[in-house]
PDB file of N, CA and C in Angstrom:
ATOM      1  N   MET A   1     -32.383 295.063 201.023  1.00  0.00           N
ATOM      2  CA  MET A   1     -33.796 295.323 201.164  1.00  0.00           C
ATOM      3  C   MET A   1     -34.290 296.256 200.055  1.00  0.00           C
ATOM      4  N   LYS A   2     -33.495 297.217 199.720  1.00  0.00           N
ATOM      5  CA  LYS A   2     -33.930 298.148 198.681  1.00  0.00           C
ATOM      6  C   LYS A   2     -34.031 297.459 197.324  1.00  0.00           C
ATOM      7  N   ALA A   3     -33.134 296.511 197.077  1.00  0.00           N
ATOM      8  CA  ALA A   3     -33.113 295.839 195.774  1.00  0.00           C
ATOM      9  C   ALA A   3     -34.332 294.940 195.582  1.00  0.00           C
ATOM     10  N   THR A   4     -34.791 294.301 196.653  1.00  0.00           N
ATOM     11  CA  THR A   4     -35.899 293.364 196.514  1.00  0.00           C
ATOM     12  C   THR A   4     -37.226 293.943 196.975  1.00  0.00           C
ATOM     13  N   GLY A   5     -37.190 294.970 197.773  1.00  0.00           N
ATOM     14  CA  GLY A   5     -38.413 295.539 198.286  1.00  0.00           C
ATOM     15  C   GLY A   5     -38.988 294.764 199.468  1.00  0.00           C
ATOM     16  N   LEU A   6     -38.249 293.772 199.951  1.00  0.00           N
ATOM     17  CA  LEU A   6     -38.713 292.983 201.086  1.00  0.00           C
ATOM     18  C   LEU A   6     -38.376 293.692 202.396  1.00  0.00           C
ATOM     19  N   LYS A   7     -39.187 293.472 203.400  1.00  0.00           N
ATOM     20  CA  LYS A   7     -39.004 294.154 204.668  1.00  0.00           C
ATOM     21  C   LYS A   7     -38.366 293.250 205.727  1.00  0.00           C
ATOM     22  N   TYR A   8     -37.767 292.179 205.302  1.00  0.00           N
ATOM     23  CA  TYR A   8     -37.143 291.247 206.237  1.00  0.00           C
ATOM     24  C   TYR A   8     -35.668 291.106 205.904  1.00  0.00           C
ATOM     25  N   THR A   9     -34.888 290.710 206.886  1.00  0.00           N
ATOM     26  CA  THR A   9     -33.451 290.598 206.649  1.00  0.00           C
ATOM     27  C   THR A   9     -33.069 289.284 205.983  1.00  0.00           C
ATOM     28  N   SER A  10     -33.952 288.289 206.022  1.00  0.00           N
ATOM     29  CA  SER A  10     -33.661 287.033 205.342  1.00  0.00           C
ATOM     30  C   SER A  10     -34.932 286.486 204.730  1.00  0.00           C
ATOM     31  N   VAL A  11     -34.761 285.821 203.623  1.00  0.00           N
ATOM     32  CA  VAL A  11     -35.885 285.229 202.924  1.00  0.00           C
ATOM     33  C   VAL A  11     -35.593 283.745 202.755  1.00  0.00           C
ATOM     34  N   HIS A  12     -36.497 282.914 203.236  1.00  0.00           N
ATOM     35  CA  HIS A  12     -36.306 281.479 203.120  1.00  0.00           C
ATOM     36  C   HIS A  12     -36.671 281.017 201.718  1.00  0.00           C
ATOM     37  N   GLY A  13     -35.837 280.177 201.181  1.00  0.00           N
ATOM     38  CA  GLY A  13     -36.084 279.675 199.842  1.00  0.00           C
ATOM     39  C   GLY A  13     -35.548 278.268 199.704  1.00  0.00           C
ATOM     40  N   GLU A  14     -35.483 277.793 198.498  1.00  0.00           N
ATOM     41  CA  GLU A  14     -34.966 276.465 198.216  1.00  0.00           C
ATOM     42  C   GLU A  14     -33.461 276.434 198.489  1.00  0.00           C
ATOM     43  N   ARG A  15     -32.995 275.289 198.902  1.00  0.00           N
ATOM     44  CA  ARG A  15     -31.569 275.114 199.149  1.00  0.00           C
ATOM     45  C   ARG A  15     -30.824 275.146 197.825  1.00  0.00           C
ATOM     46  N   THR A  16     -29.686 275.826 197.815  1.00  0.00           N
ATOM     47  CA  THR A  16     -28.945 275.974 196.568  1.00  0.00           C
ATOM     48  C   THR A  16     -27.724 275.066 196.486  1.00  0.00           C
ATOM     49  N   THR A  17     -27.346 274.428 197.608  1.00  0.00           N
ATOM     50  CA  THR A  17     -26.184 273.552 197.608  1.00  0.00           C
ATOM     51  C   THR A  17     -26.603 272.124 197.940  1.00  0.00           C
ATOM     52  N   GLN A  18     -25.779 271.183 197.508  1.00  0.00           N
ATOM     53  CA  GLN A  18     -26.029 269.787 197.829  1.00  0.00           C
ATOM     54  C   GLN A  18     -25.579 269.518 199.263  1.00  0.00           C
ATOM     55  N   PRO A  19     -26.307 268.656 200.002  1.00  0.00           N
ATOM     56  CA  PRO A  19     -25.866 268.328 201.358  1.00  0.00           C
ATOM     57  C   PRO A  19     -24.545 267.565 201.318  1.00  0.00           C
ATOM     58  N   SER A  20     -23.707 267.842 202.297  1.00  0.00           N
ATOM     59  CA  SER A  20     -22.404 267.181 202.363  1.00  0.00           C
ATOM     60  C   SER A  20     -22.573 265.748 202.866  1.00  0.00           C
ATOM     61  N   THR A  21     -21.527 264.971 202.719  1.00  0.00           N
ATOM     62  CA  THR A  21     -21.533 263.585 203.201  1.00  0.00           C
ATOM     63  C   THR A  21     -21.737 263.560 204.706  1.00  0.00           C
ATOM     64  N   LYS A  22     -21.095 264.488 205.405  1.00  0.00           N
ATOM     65  CA  LYS A  22     -21.227 264.577 206.865  1.00  0.00           C
ATOM     66  C   LYS A  22     -22.681 264.865 207.256  1.00  0.00           C
ATOM     67  N   GLU A  23     -23.322 265.774 206.547  1.00  0.00           N
ATOM     68  CA  GLU A  23     -24.709 266.105 206.825  1.00  0.00           C
ATOM     69  C   GLU A  23     -25.635 264.918 206.548  1.00  0.00           C
ATOM     70  N   LEU A  24     -25.378 264.193 205.473  1.00  0.00           N
ATOM     71  CA  LEU A  24     -26.200 263.027 205.154  1.00  0.00           C
ATOM     72  C   LEU A  24     -26.053 261.939 206.216  1.00  0.00           C
ATOM     73  N   LYS A  25     -24.821 261.759 206.724  1.00  0.00           N
ATOM     74  CA  LYS A  25     -24.603 260.777 207.791  1.00  0.00           C
ATOM     75  C   LYS A  25     -25.309 261.206 209.072  1.00  0.00           C
ATOM     76  N   ALA A  26     -25.310 262.502 209.366  1.00  0.00           N
ATOM     77  CA  ALA A  26     -25.999 263.012 210.553  1.00  0.00           C
ATOM     78  C   ALA A  26     -27.507 262.798 210.430  1.00  0.00           C
ATOM     79  N   ARG A  27     -28.040 263.019 209.241  1.00  0.00           N
ATOM     80  CA  ARG A  27     -29.468 262.780 209.015  1.00  0.00           C
ATOM     81  C   ARG A  27     -29.816 261.307 209.192  1.00  0.00           C
ATOM     82  N   GLU A  28     -28.944 260.440 208.659  1.00  0.00           N
ATOM     83  CA  GLU A  28     -29.163 259.002 208.763  1.00  0.00           C
ATOM     84  C   GLU A  28     -29.120 258.555 210.219  1.00  0.00           C
ATOM     85  N   ARG A  29     -28.157 259.086 210.983  1.00  0.00           N
ATOM     86  CA  ARG A  29     -28.044 258.737 212.404  1.00  0.00           C
ATOM     87  C   ARG A  29     -29.281 259.212 213.161  1.00  0.00           C
ATOM     88  N   PHE A  30     -29.709 260.435 212.900  1.00  0.00           N
ATOM     89  CA  PHE A  30     -30.874 260.976 213.580  1.00  0.00           C
ATOM     90  C   PHE A  30     -32.102 260.101 213.323  1.00  0.00           C
ATOM     91  N   SER A  31     -32.322 259.732 212.082  1.00  0.00           N
ATOM     92  CA  SER A  31     -33.484 258.904 211.733  1.00  0.00           C
ATOM     93  C   SER A  31     -33.422 257.542 212.413  1.00  0.00           C
ATOM     94  N   ALA A  32     -32.230 256.948 212.409  1.00  0.00           N
ATOM     95  CA  ALA A  32     -32.079 255.623 213.013  1.00  0.00           C
ATOM     96  C   ALA A  32     -32.278 255.670 214.522  1.00  0.00           C
ATOM     97  N   VAL A  33     -31.697 256.674 215.183  1.00  0.00           N
ATOM     98  CA  VAL A  33     -31.828 256.791 216.637  1.00  0.00           C
ATOM     99  C   VAL A  33     -33.279 257.109 217.005  1.00  0.00           C
ATOM    100  N   ALA A  34     -33.948 257.949 216.236  1.00  0.00           N
ATOM    101  CA  ALA A  34     -35.353 258.257 216.510  1.00  0.00           C
ATOM    102  C   ALA A  34     -36.201 256.992 216.444  1.00  0.00           C
ATOM    103  N   ALA A  35     -35.946 256.148 215.459  1.00  0.00           N
ATOM    104  CA  ALA A  35     -36.687 254.887 215.341  1.00  0.00           C
ATOM    105  C   ALA A  35     -36.375 253.970 216.512  1.00  0.00           C
ATOM    106  N   MET A  36     -35.111 253.942 216.941  1.00  0.00           N
ATOM    107  CA  MET A  36     -34.725 253.110 218.082  1.00  0.00           C
ATOM    108  C   MET A  36     -35.408 253.579 219.366  1.00  0.00           C
ATOM    109  N   VAL A  37     -35.482 254.895 219.556  1.00  0.00           N
ATOM    110  CA  VAL A  37     -36.140 255.446 220.750  1.00  0.00           C
ATOM    111  C   VAL A  37     -37.620 255.086 220.750  1.00  0.00           C
ATOM    112  N   THR A  38     -38.264 255.229 219.625  1.00  0.00           N
ATOM    113  CA  THR A  38     -39.684 254.897 219.524  1.00  0.00           C
ATOM    114  C   THR A  38     -39.925 253.427 219.830  1.00  0.00           C
ATOM    115  N   ALA A  39     -39.090 252.569 219.281  1.00  0.00           N
ATOM    116  CA  ALA A  39     -39.238 251.130 219.523  1.00  0.00           C
ATOM    117  C   ALA A  39     -38.957 250.790 220.984  1.00  0.00           C
ATOM    118  N   ARG A  40     -37.950 251.422 221.556  1.00  0.00           N
ATOM    119  CA  ARG A  40     -37.584 251.114 222.945  1.00  0.00           C
ATOM    120  C   ARG A  40     -38.659 251.586 223.915  1.00  0.00           C
ATOM    121  N   ARG A  41     -39.287 252.720 223.632  1.00  0.00           N
ATOM    122  CA  ARG A  41     -40.362 253.203 224.511  1.00  0.00           C
ATOM    123  C   ARG A  41     -41.547 252.256 224.509  1.00  0.00           C
ATOM    124  N   ALA A  42     -41.736 251.516 223.431  1.00  0.00           N
ATOM    125  CA  ALA A  42     -42.872 250.597 223.324  1.00  0.00           C
ATOM    126  C   ALA A  42     -42.516 249.178 223.773  1.00  0.00           C
ATOM    127  N   ASP A  43     -41.242 248.901 224.024  1.00  0.00           N
ATOM    128  CA  ASP A  43     -40.790 247.562 224.403  1.00  0.00           C
ATOM    129  C   ASP A  43     -41.056 247.323 225.890  1.00  0.00           C
ATOM    130  N   LEU A  44     -42.042 246.511 226.185  1.00  0.00           N
ATOM    131  CA  LEU A  44     -42.440 246.275 227.567  1.00  0.00           C
ATOM    132  C   LEU A  44     -41.369 245.561 228.377  1.00  0.00           C
ATOM    133  N   THR A  45     -40.472 244.850 227.728  1.00  0.00           N
ATOM    134  CA  THR A  45     -39.439 244.110 228.462  1.00  0.00           C
ATOM    135  C   THR A  45     -38.339 245.031 228.994  1.00  0.00           C
ATOM    136  N   LYS A  46     -38.236 246.250 228.475  1.00  0.00           N
ATOM    137  CA  LYS A  46     -37.159 247.154 228.884  1.00  0.00           C
ATOM    138  C   LYS A  46     -37.647 248.345 229.706  1.00  0.00           C
ATOM    139  N   ILE A  47     -38.941 248.535 229.829  1.00  0.00           N
ATOM    140  CA  ILE A  47     -39.461 249.735 230.484  1.00  0.00           C
ATOM    141  C   ILE A  47     -38.992 249.857 231.928  1.00  0.00           C
ATOM    142  N   VAL A  48     -39.136 248.806 232.710  1.00  0.00           N
ATOM    143  CA  VAL A  48     -38.784 248.871 234.134  1.00  0.00           C
ATOM    144  C   VAL A  48     -37.291 249.134 234.311  1.00  0.00           C
ATOM    145  N   ALA A  49     -36.465 248.415 233.565  1.00  0.00           N
ATOM    146  CA  ALA A  49     -35.013 248.615 233.663  1.00  0.00           C
ATOM    147  C   ALA A  49     -34.623 250.027 233.236  1.00  0.00           C
ATOM    148  N   ASP A  50     -35.249 250.534 232.171  1.00  0.00           N
ATOM    149  CA  ASP A  50     -34.952 251.891 231.715  1.00  0.00           C
ATOM    150  C   ASP A  50     -35.369 252.927 232.757  1.00  0.00           C
ATOM    151  N   GLN A  51     -36.518 252.738 233.382  1.00  0.00           N
ATOM    152  CA  GLN A  51     -36.975 253.677 234.400  1.00  0.00           C
ATOM    153  C   GLN A  51     -36.022 253.694 235.588  1.00  0.00           C
ATOM    154  N   GLN A  52     -35.564 252.533 236.018  1.00  0.00           N
ATOM    155  CA  GLN A  52     -34.641 252.462 237.143  1.00  0.00           C
ATOM    156  C   GLN A  52     -33.302 253.110 236.797  1.00  0.00           C
ATOM    157  N   ALA A  53     -32.799 252.832 235.608  1.00  0.00           N
ATOM    158  CA  ALA A  53     -31.531 253.420 235.180  1.00  0.00           C
ATOM    159  C   ALA A  53     -31.665 254.936 235.032  1.00  0.00           C
ATOM    160  N   PHE A  54     -32.802 255.390 234.522  1.00  0.00           N
ATOM    161  CA  PHE A  54     -33.041 256.822 234.372  1.00  0.00           C
ATOM    162  C   PHE A  54     -33.038 257.508 235.726  1.00  0.00           C
ATOM    163  N   LEU A  55     -33.757 256.964 236.694  1.00  0.00           N
ATOM    164  CA  LEU A  55     -33.825 257.573 238.020  1.00  0.00           C
ATOM    165  C   LEU A  55     -32.465 257.577 238.704  1.00  0.00           C
ATOM    166  N   ALA A  56     -31.665 256.560 238.469  1.00  0.00           N
ATOM    167  CA  ALA A  56     -30.348 256.481 239.086  1.00  0.00           C
ATOM    168  C   ALA A  56     -29.406 257.571 238.561  1.00  0.00           C
ATOM    169  N   GLN A  57     -29.539 257.956 237.305  1.00  0.00           N
ATOM    170  CA  GLN A  57     -28.626 258.936 236.719  1.00  0.00           C
ATOM    171  C   GLN A  57     -29.185 260.350 236.677  1.00  0.00           C
ATOM    172  N   LYS A  58     -30.470 260.506 236.923  1.00  0.00           N
ATOM    173  CA  LYS A  58     -31.148 261.792 236.733  1.00  0.00           C
ATOM    174  C   LYS A  58     -30.537 262.934 237.535  1.00  0.00           C
ATOM    175  N   ASP A  59     -30.196 262.705 238.785  1.00  0.00           N
ATOM    176  CA  ASP A  59     -29.708 263.777 239.639  1.00  0.00           C
ATOM    177  C   ASP A  59     -28.180 263.869 239.692  1.00  0.00           C
ATOM    178  N   THR A  60     -27.498 263.133 238.843  1.00  0.00           N
ATOM    179  CA  THR A  60     -26.046 263.213 238.789  1.00  0.00           C
ATOM    180  C   THR A  60     -25.627 264.322 237.820  1.00  0.00           C
ATOM    181  N   ALA A  61     -24.372 264.729 237.939  1.00  0.00           N
ATOM    182  CA  ALA A  61     -23.859 265.759 237.029  1.00  0.00           C
ATOM    183  C   ALA A  61     -23.852 265.213 235.603  1.00  0.00           C
ATOM    184  N   GLY A  62     -24.444 265.955 234.701  1.00  0.00           N
ATOM    185  CA  GLY A  62     -24.497 265.534 233.304  1.00  0.00           C
ATOM    186  C   GLY A  62     -25.579 264.516 233.010  1.00  0.00           C
ATOM    187  N   GLY A  63     -26.423 264.209 233.990  1.00  0.00           N
ATOM    188  CA  GLY A  63     -27.499 263.249 233.786  1.00  0.00           C
ATOM    189  C   GLY A  63     -28.633 263.847 232.965  1.00  0.00           C
ATOM    190  N   ALA A  64     -29.301 262.998 232.224  1.00  0.00           N
ATOM    191  CA  ALA A  64     -30.445 263.440 231.418  1.00  0.00           C
ATOM    192  C   ALA A  64     -31.608 263.751 232.365  1.00  0.00           C
ATOM    193  N   LYS A  65     -32.298 264.843 232.128  1.00  0.00           N
ATOM    194  CA  LYS A  65     -33.364 265.272 233.025  1.00  0.00           C
ATOM    195  C   LYS A  65     -34.741 264.734 232.641  1.00  0.00           C
ATOM    196  N   THR A  66     -34.865 264.214 231.428  1.00  0.00           N
ATOM    197  CA  THR A  66     -36.135 263.624 231.012  1.00  0.00           C
ATOM    198  C   THR A  66     -35.888 262.214 230.505  1.00  0.00           C
ATOM    199  N   MET A  67     -36.923 261.413 230.549  1.00  0.00           N
ATOM    200  CA  MET A  67     -36.810 260.035 230.087  1.00  0.00           C
ATOM    201  C   MET A  67     -36.480 259.998 228.598  1.00  0.00           C
ATOM    202  N   ARG A  68     -37.087 260.888 227.841  1.00  0.00           N
ATOM    203  CA  ARG A  68     -36.824 260.929 226.401  1.00  0.00           C
ATOM    204  C   ARG A  68     -35.355 261.259 226.125  1.00  0.00           C
ATOM    205  N   ALA A  69     -34.801 262.230 226.839  1.00  0.00           N
ATOM    206  CA  ALA A  69     -33.391 262.581 226.660  1.00  0.00           C
ATOM    207  C   ALA A  69     -32.494 261.410 227.047  1.00  0.00           C
ATOM    208  N   TYR A  70     -32.859 260.704 228.095  1.00  0.00           N
ATOM    209  CA  TYR A  70     -32.096 259.536 228.518  1.00  0.00           C
ATOM    210  C   TYR A  70     -32.110 258.472 227.421  1.00  0.00           C
ATOM    211  N   LEU A  71     -33.282 258.194 226.865  1.00  0.00           N
ATOM    212  CA  LEU A  71     -33.381 257.182 225.819  1.00  0.00           C
ATOM    213  C   LEU A  71     -32.620 257.600 224.564  1.00  0.00           C
ATOM    214  N   TRP A  72     -32.635 258.887 224.223  1.00  0.00           N
ATOM    215  CA  TRP A  72     -31.865 259.366 223.074  1.00  0.00           C
ATOM    216  C   TRP A  72     -30.381 259.137 223.320  1.00  0.00           C
ATOM    217  N   ARG A  73     -29.926 259.361 224.546  1.00  0.00           N
ATOM    218  CA  ARG A  73     -28.520 259.142 224.855  1.00  0.00           C
ATOM    219  C   ARG A  73     -28.163 257.659 224.741  1.00  0.00           C
ATOM    220  N   VAL A  74     -28.981 256.811 225.351  1.00  0.00           N
ATOM    221  CA  VAL A  74     -28.716 255.372 225.339  1.00  0.00           C
ATOM    222  C   VAL A  74     -28.768 254.820 223.916  1.00  0.00           C
ATOM    223  N   CYS A  75     -29.813 255.159 223.194  1.00  0.00           N
ATOM    224  CA  CYS A  75     -29.958 254.642 221.827  1.00  0.00           C
ATOM    225  C   CYS A  75     -28.885 255.218 220.909  1.00  0.00           C
ATOM    226  N   GLY A  76     -28.484 256.459 221.121  1.00  0.00           N
ATOM    227  CA  GLY A  76     -27.410 257.055 220.335  1.00  0.00           C
ATOM    228  C   GLY A  76     -26.094 256.326 220.550  1.00  0.00           C
ATOM    229  N   GLN A  77     -25.812 255.968 221.806  1.00  0.00           N
ATOM    230  CA  GLN A  77     -24.607 255.213 222.103  1.00  0.00           C
ATOM    231  C   GLN A  77     -24.666 253.822 221.470  1.00  0.00           C
ATOM    232  N   GLU A  78     -25.823 253.179 221.522  1.00  0.00           N
ATOM    233  CA  GLU A  78     -25.987 251.862 220.899  1.00  0.00           C
ATOM    234  C   GLU A  78     -25.754 251.953 219.391  1.00  0.00           C
ATOM    235  N   TYR A  79     -26.317 252.988 218.764  1.00  0.00           N
ATOM    236  CA  TYR A  79     -26.159 253.165 217.327  1.00  0.00           C
ATOM    237  C   TYR A  79     -24.681 253.368 216.977  1.00  0.00           C
ATOM    238  N   ASP A  80     -24.000 254.212 217.755  1.00  0.00           N
ATOM    239  CA  ASP A  80     -22.592 254.477 217.484  1.00  0.00           C
ATOM    240  C   ASP A  80     -21.742 253.215 217.633  1.00  0.00           C
ATOM    241  N   GLN A  81     -22.073 252.371 218.604  1.00  0.00           N
ATOM    242  CA  GLN A  81     -21.337 251.122 218.788  1.00  0.00           C
ATOM    243  C   GLN A  81     -21.583 250.172 217.609  1.00  0.00           C
ATOM    244  N   GLN A  82     -22.815 250.134 217.124  1.00  0.00           N
ATOM    245  CA  GLN A  82     -23.137 249.267 215.996  1.00  0.00           C
ATOM    246  C   GLN A  82     -22.406 249.716 214.734  1.00  0.00           C
ATOM    247  N   GLN A  83     -22.297 251.022 214.557  1.00  0.00           N
ATOM    248  CA  GLN A  83     -21.662 251.566 213.358  1.00  0.00           C
ATOM    249  C   GLN A  83     -20.142 251.563 213.478  1.00  0.00           C
ATOM    250  N   GLY A  84     -19.650 251.518 214.735  1.00  0.00           N
ATOM    251  CA  GLY A  84     -18.261 251.551 215.134  1.00  0.00           C
ATOM    252  C   GLY A  84     -17.254 251.286 214.170  1.00  0.00           C
TER     253      GLY A  84
END
C-alpha cells in the first residue's frame, strides 16, 4: 500500500497469464450448457416432462431446489455424455 498509495488490498487489472487448457474447456462447457438450458426452457415439448421430473427429485437428498438448477444438472449431464 505504501508503494502504490492505494488504500485497498487488491487492485483489479488486466490478466497477466494465458488461460490454461483446462480453463478453456470449462469455459466452453459452461457456454454450451447455458445455451442448452436456454433452448430447453423454450422447448414446449419438454416442459411438462421436465416439471414432473423436477418435482419428483426436488425434495430428495441432493435434489435441485430450483427448476433452473435442475435444468443445469440435466443439460450438464447430457453435454458430458456427448463429449464422453
